[in-house]
Amino acid sequence: MADILTQQARSGGFDFKPLLSLTEIFGDLPHSSRFVEAVSSKLRSLCEFGVKGTLDRLLQAN
């Protein structure tokens, strides 16, 4: 599975959709617009604020 994940991650760049196509991991979740939006939102946050900034925002939200 590690080789497949690495290949998908490298092929997608910042596009997370190739990773979501792995039904062995995500099953039918990519068919849920709510799930896809949540993943998209967190990826944007990681790109904009980095890991620490994203975690700080998640902790403040709870």
PDB file of N, CA and C in Angstrom:
ATOM      1  N   MET A   1       0.828  -1.189   0.000  1.00  0.00           N
ATOM      2  CA  MET A   1       0.000   0.000   0.000  1.00  0.00           C
ATOM      3  C   MET A   1       0.875   1.255   0.000  1.00  0.00           C
ATOM      4  N   ALA A   2       2.064   1.206   0.622  1.00  0.00           N
ATOM      5  CA  ALA A   2       2.934   2.380   0.693  1.00  0.00           C
ATOM      6  C   ALA A   2       3.343   2.856  -0.696  1.00  0.00           C
ATOM      7  N   ASP A   3       3.664   1.920  -1.578  1.00  0.00           N
ATOM      8  CA  ASP A   3       4.053   2.308  -2.939  1.00  0.00           C
ATOM      9  C   ASP A   3       2.907   2.984  -3.677  1.00  0.00           C
ATOM     10  N   ILE A   4       1.715   2.463  -3.509  1.00  0.00           N
ATOM     11  CA  ILE A   4       0.540   3.046  -4.168  1.00  0.00           C
ATOM     12  C   ILE A   4       0.266   4.442  -3.618  1.00  0.00           C
ATOM     13  N   LEU A   5       0.339   4.609  -2.303  1.00  0.00           N
ATOM     14  CA  LEU A   5       0.119   5.927  -1.696  1.00  0.00           C
ATOM     15  C   LEU A   5       1.152   6.937  -2.185  1.00  0.00           C
ATOM     16  N   THR A   6       2.404   6.521  -2.229  1.00  0.00           N
ATOM     17  CA  THR A   6       3.476   7.415  -2.687  1.00  0.00           C
ATOM     18  C   THR A   6       3.244   7.830  -4.134  1.00  0.00           C
ATOM     19  N   GLN A   7       2.903   6.865  -4.977  1.00  0.00           N
ATOM     20  CA  GLN A   7       2.657   7.160  -6.384  1.00  0.00           C
ATOM     21  C   GLN A   7       1.483   8.124  -6.550  1.00  0.00           C
ATOM     22  N   GLN A   8       0.397   7.880  -5.832  1.00  0.00           N
ATOM     23  CA  GLN A   8      -0.774   8.753  -5.923  1.00  0.00           C
ATOM     24  C   GLN A   8      -0.451  10.160  -5.412  1.00  0.00           C
ATOM     25  N   ALA A   9       0.260  10.243  -4.306  1.00  0.00           N
ATOM     26  CA  ALA A   9       0.599  11.554  -3.739  1.00  0.00           C
ATOM     27  C   ALA A   9       1.479  12.349  -4.695  1.00  0.00           C
ATOM     28  N   ARG A  10       2.432  11.698  -5.307  1.00  0.00           N
ATOM     29  CA  ARG A  10       3.331  12.387  -6.237  1.00  0.00           C
ATOM     30  C   ARG A  10       2.623  12.798  -7.517  1.00  0.00           C
ATOM     31  N   SER A  11       1.681  12.007  -7.960  1.00  0.00           N
ATOM     32  CA  SER A  11       0.997  12.326  -9.216  1.00  0.00           C
ATOM     33  C   SER A  11       0.011  13.470  -9.051  1.00  0.00           C
ATOM     34  N   GLY A  12      -0.472  13.674  -7.832  1.00  0.00           N
ATOM     35  CA  GLY A  12      -1.506  14.667  -7.619  1.00  0.00           C
ATOM     36  C   GLY A  12      -1.018  16.046  -7.259  1.00  0.00           C
ATOM     37  N   GLY A  13       0.220  16.184  -6.798  1.00  0.00           N
ATOM     38  CA  GLY A  13       0.681  17.483  -6.328  1.00  0.00           C
ATOM     39  C   GLY A  13      -0.215  17.951  -5.193  1.00  0.00           C
ATOM     40  N   PHE A  14      -0.829  19.103  -5.342  1.00  0.00           N
ATOM     41  CA  PHE A  14      -1.739  19.608  -4.316  1.00  0.00           C
ATOM     42  C   PHE A  14      -3.173  19.147  -4.536  1.00  0.00           C
ATOM     43  N   ASP A  15      -3.377  18.355  -5.591  1.00  0.00           N
ATOM     44  CA  ASP A  15      -4.708  17.807  -5.845  1.00  0.00           C
ATOM     45  C   ASP A  15      -4.852  16.511  -5.060  1.00  0.00           C
ATOM     46  N   PHE A  16      -5.728  16.498  -4.089  1.00  0.00           N
ATOM     47  CA  PHE A  16      -5.903  15.351  -3.210  1.00  0.00           C
ATOM     48  C   PHE A  16      -6.801  14.278  -3.811  1.00  0.00           C
ATOM     49  N   LYS A  17      -7.435  14.564  -4.925  1.00  0.00           N
ATOM     50  CA  LYS A  17      -8.402  13.626  -5.498  1.00  0.00           C
ATOM     51  C   LYS A  17      -7.795  12.278  -5.893  1.00  0.00           C
ATOM     52  N   PRO A  18      -6.551  12.217  -6.410  1.00  0.00           N
ATOM     53  CA  PRO A  18      -5.987  10.890  -6.675  1.00  0.00           C
ATOM     54  C   PRO A  18      -5.886  10.027  -5.412  1.00  0.00           C
ATOM     55  N   LEU A  19      -5.586  10.651  -4.294  1.00  0.00           N
ATOM     56  CA  LEU A  19      -5.531   9.888  -3.038  1.00  0.00           C
ATOM     57  C   LEU A  19      -6.915   9.401  -2.631  1.00  0.00           C
ATOM     58  N   LEU A  20      -7.910  10.235  -2.819  1.00  0.00           N
ATOM     59  CA  LEU A  20      -9.267   9.854  -2.441  1.00  0.00           C
ATOM     60  C   LEU A  20      -9.814   8.725  -3.304  1.00  0.00           C
ATOM     61  N   SER A  21      -9.217   8.503  -4.453  1.00  0.00           N
ATOM     62  CA  SER A  21      -9.697   7.429  -5.328  1.00  0.00           C
ATOM     63  C   SER A  21      -9.299   6.045  -4.816  1.00  0.00           C
ATOM     64  N   LEU A  22      -8.506   5.979  -3.759  1.00  0.00           N
ATOM     65  CA  LEU A  22      -8.079   4.696  -3.199  1.00  0.00           C
ATOM     66  C   LEU A  22      -9.189   4.129  -2.315  1.00  0.00           C
ATOM     67  N   THR A  23     -10.020   3.308  -2.919  1.00  0.00           N
ATOM     68  CA  THR A  23     -11.164   2.758  -2.186  1.00  0.00           C
ATOM     69  C   THR A  23     -10.735   1.834  -1.048  1.00  0.00           C
ATOM     70  N   GLU A  24      -9.521   1.281  -1.121  1.00  0.00           N
ATOM     71  CA  GLU A  24      -9.027   0.444  -0.034  1.00  0.00           C
ATOM     72  C   GLU A  24      -8.895   1.236   1.271  1.00  0.00           C
ATOM     73  N   ILE A  25      -8.734   2.523   1.146  1.00  0.00           N
ATOM     74  CA  ILE A  25      -8.582   3.393   2.322  1.00  0.00           C
ATOM     75  C   ILE A  25      -9.875   4.147   2.616  1.00  0.00           C
ATOM     76  N   PHE A  26     -10.436   4.774   1.603  1.00  0.00           N
ATOM     77  CA  PHE A  26     -11.552   5.690   1.810  1.00  0.00           C
ATOM     78  C   PHE A  26     -12.928   5.112   1.492  1.00  0.00           C
ATOM     79  N   GLY A  27     -12.963   3.951   0.848  1.00  0.00           N
ATOM     80  CA  GLY A  27     -14.262   3.358   0.507  1.00  0.00           C
ATOM     81  C   GLY A  27     -15.100   4.315  -0.323  1.00  0.00           C
ATOM     82  N   ASP A  28     -16.331   4.547   0.108  1.00  0.00           N
ATOM     83  CA  ASP A  28     -17.261   5.422  -0.621  1.00  0.00           C
ATOM     84  C   ASP A  28     -17.221   6.882  -0.161  1.00  0.00           C
ATOM     85  N   LEU A  29     -16.375   7.208   0.796  1.00  0.00           N
ATOM     86  CA  LEU A  29     -16.339   8.577   1.324  1.00  0.00           C
ATOM     87  C   LEU A  29     -16.154   9.651   0.252  1.00  0.00           C
ATOM     88  N   PRO A  30     -15.336   9.425  -0.777  1.00  0.00           N
ATOM     89  CA  PRO A  30     -15.171  10.467  -1.796  1.00  0.00           C
ATOM     90  C   PRO A  30     -16.457  10.826  -2.542  1.00  0.00           C
ATOM     91  N   HIS A  31     -17.499  10.016  -2.385  1.00  0.00           N
ATOM     92  CA  HIS A  31     -18.781  10.343  -3.003  1.00  0.00           C
ATOM     93  C   HIS A  31     -19.575  11.334  -2.140  1.00  0.00           C
ATOM     94  N   SER A  32     -19.083  11.592  -0.948  1.00  0.00           N
ATOM     95  CA  SER A  32     -19.736  12.525  -0.032  1.00  0.00           C
ATOM     96  C   SER A  32     -19.155  13.926  -0.225  1.00  0.00           C
ATOM     97  N   SER A  33     -19.982  14.851  -0.666  1.00  0.00           N
ATOM     98  CA  SER A  33     -19.497  16.221  -0.863  1.00  0.00           C
ATOM     99  C   SER A  33     -19.027  16.831   0.455  1.00  0.00           C
ATOM    100  N   ARG A  34     -19.651  16.443   1.552  1.00  0.00           N
ATOM    101  CA  ARG A  34     -19.239  16.956   2.879  1.00  0.00           C
ATOM    102  C   ARG A  34     -17.819  16.501   3.216  1.00  0.00           C
ATOM    103  N   PHE A  35     -17.518  15.229   2.957  1.00  0.00           N
ATOM    104  CA  PHE A  35     -16.180  14.698   3.212  1.00  0.00           C
ATOM    105  C   PHE A  35     -15.143  15.383   2.319  1.00  0.00           C
ATOM    106  N   VAL A  36     -15.438  15.488   1.031  1.00  0.00           N
ATOM    107  CA  VAL A  36     -14.500  16.097   0.090  1.00  0.00           C
ATOM    108  C   VAL A  36     -14.242  17.554   0.459  1.00  0.00           C
ATOM    109  N   GLU A  37     -15.271  18.277   0.876  1.00  0.00           N
ATOM    110  CA  GLU A  37     -15.087  19.676   1.282  1.00  0.00           C
ATOM    111  C   GLU A  37     -14.229  19.768   2.541  1.00  0.00           C
ATOM    112  N   ALA A  38     -14.423  18.855   3.488  1.00  0.00           N
ATOM    113  CA  ALA A  38     -13.617  18.862   4.712  1.00  0.00           C
ATOM    114  C   ALA A  38     -12.146  18.623   4.387  1.00  0.00           C
ATOM    115  N   VAL A  39     -11.870  17.663   3.526  1.00  0.00           N
ATOM    116  CA  VAL A  39     -10.485  17.382   3.123  1.00  0.00           C
ATOM    117  C   VAL A  39      -9.902  18.586   2.396  1.00  0.00           C
ATOM    118  N   SER A  40     -10.666  19.147   1.486  1.00  0.00           N
ATOM    119  CA  SER A  40     -10.221  20.301   0.717  1.00  0.00           C
ATOM    120  C   SER A  40      -9.914  21.492   1.629  1.00  0.00           C
ATOM    121  N   SER A  41     -10.787  21.720   2.591  1.00  0.00           N
ATOM    122  CA  SER A  41     -10.607  22.827   3.528  1.00  0.00           C
ATOM    123  C   SER A  41      -9.326  22.674   4.345  1.00  0.00           C
ATOM    124  N   LYS A  42      -9.083  21.467   4.825  1.00  0.00           N
ATOM    125  CA  LYS A  42      -7.878  21.240   5.642  1.00  0.00           C
ATOM    126  C   LYS A  42      -6.617  21.323   4.799  1.00  0.00           C
ATOM    127  N   LEU A  43      -6.674  20.859   3.554  1.00  0.00           N
ATOM    128  CA  LEU A  43      -5.520  20.975   2.672  1.00  0.00           C
ATOM    129  C   LEU A  43      -5.206  22.440   2.397  1.00  0.00           C
ATOM    130  N   ARG A  44      -6.248  23.237   2.140  1.00  0.00           N
ATOM    131  CA  ARG A  44      -6.023  24.684   1.934  1.00  0.00           C
ATOM    132  C   ARG A  44      -5.392  25.311   3.168  1.00  0.00           C
ATOM    133  N   SER A  45      -5.872  24.912   4.344  1.00  0.00           N
ATOM    134  CA  SER A  45      -5.322  25.448   5.581  1.00  0.00           C
ATOM    135  C   SER A  45      -3.855  25.057   5.744  1.00  0.00           C
ATOM    136  N   LEU A  46      -3.538  23.802   5.447  1.00  0.00           N
ATOM    137  CA  LEU A  46      -2.138  23.359   5.540  1.00  0.00           C
ATOM    138  C   LEU A  46      -1.245  24.153   4.591  1.00  0.00           C
ATOM    139  N   CYS A  47      -1.731  24.392   3.387  1.00  0.00           N
ATOM    140  CA  CYS A  47      -0.944  25.149   2.415  1.00  0.00           C
ATOM    141  C   CYS A  47      -0.781  26.600   2.838  1.00  0.00           C
ATOM    142  N   GLU A  48      -1.820  27.168   3.414  1.00  0.00           N
ATOM    143  CA  GLU A  48      -1.793  28.583   3.784  1.00  0.00           C
ATOM    144  C   GLU A  48      -1.098  28.844   5.119  1.00  0.00           C
ATOM    145  N   PHE A  49      -1.374  27.997   6.126  1.00  0.00           N
ATOM    146  CA  PHE A  49      -0.895  28.270   7.478  1.00  0.00           C
ATOM    147  C   PHE A  49       0.152  27.286   7.993  1.00  0.00           C
ATOM    148  N   GLY A  50       0.391  26.204   7.253  1.00  0.00           N
ATOM    149  CA  GLY A  50       1.337  25.186   7.704  1.00  0.00           C
ATOM    150  C   GLY A  50       0.697  24.284   8.754  1.00  0.00           C
ATOM    151  N   VAL A  51       1.461  23.309   9.190  1.00  0.00           N
ATOM    152  CA  VAL A  51       0.931  22.333  10.147  1.00  0.00           C
ATOM    153  C   VAL A  51       0.604  22.993  11.477  1.00  0.00           C
ATOM    154  N   LYS A  52       1.533  23.775  12.021  1.00  0.00           N
ATOM    155  CA  LYS A  52       1.310  24.394  13.328  1.00  0.00           C
ATOM    156  C   LYS A  52       0.108  25.333  13.296  1.00  0.00           C
ATOM    157  N   GLY A  53       0.031  26.162  12.268  1.00  0.00           N
ATOM    158  CA  GLY A  53      -1.087  27.093  12.164  1.00  0.00           C
ATOM    159  C   GLY A  53      -2.425  26.387  12.018  1.00  0.00           C
ATOM    160  N   THR A  54      -2.434  25.306  11.252  1.00  0.00           N
ATOM    161  CA  THR A  54      -3.664  24.538  11.072  1.00  0.00           C
ATOM    162  C   THR A  54      -4.078  23.888  12.381  1.00  0.00           C
ATOM    163  N   LEU A  55      -3.118  23.283  13.089  1.00  0.00           N
ATOM    164  CA  LEU A  55      -3.436  22.665  14.379  1.00  0.00           C
ATOM    165  C   LEU A  55      -3.904  23.703  15.397  1.00  0.00           C
ATOM    166  N   ASP A  56      -3.268  24.869  15.410  1.00  0.00           N
ATOM    167  CA  ASP A  56      -3.701  25.933  16.321  1.00  0.00           C
ATOM    168  C   ASP A  56      -5.148  26.327  16.037  1.00  0.00           C
ATOM    169  N   ARG A  57      -5.504  26.442  14.773  1.00  0.00           N
ATOM    170  CA  ARG A  57      -6.876  26.809  14.408  1.00  0.00           C
ATOM    171  C   ARG A  57      -7.868  25.720  14.783  1.00  0.00           C
ATOM    172  N   LEU A  58      -7.476  24.464  14.607  1.00  0.00           N
ATOM    173  CA  LEU A  58      -8.360  23.366  14.999  1.00  0.00           C
ATOM    174  C   LEU A  58      -8.590  23.357  16.507  1.00  0.00           C
ATOM    175  N   LEU A  59      -7.536  23.588  17.273  1.00  0.00           N
ATOM    176  CA  LEU A  59      -7.663  23.611  18.730  1.00  0.00           C
ATOM    177  C   LEU A  59      -8.499  24.785  19.199  1.00  0.00           C
ATOM    178  N   GLN A  60      -8.378  25.923  18.550  1.00  0.00           N
ATOM    179  CA  GLN A  60      -9.171  27.093  18.936  1.00  0.00           C
ATOM    180  C   GLN A  60     -10.647  26.897  18.614  1.00  0.00           C
ATOM    181  N   ALA A  61     -10.925  26.112  17.564  1.00  0.00           N
ATOM    182  CA  ALA A  61     -12.305  25.877  17.162  1.00  0.00           C
ATOM    183  C   ALA A  61     -13.036  24.956  18.137  1.00  0.00           C
ATOM    184  N   ASN A  62     -12.282  24.180  18.893  1.00  0.00           N
ATOM    185  CA  ASN A  62     -12.908  23.242  19.842  1.00  0.00           C
ATOM    186  C   ASN A  62     -12.850  23.801  21.196  1.00  0.00           C
TER     187      ASN A  62
END
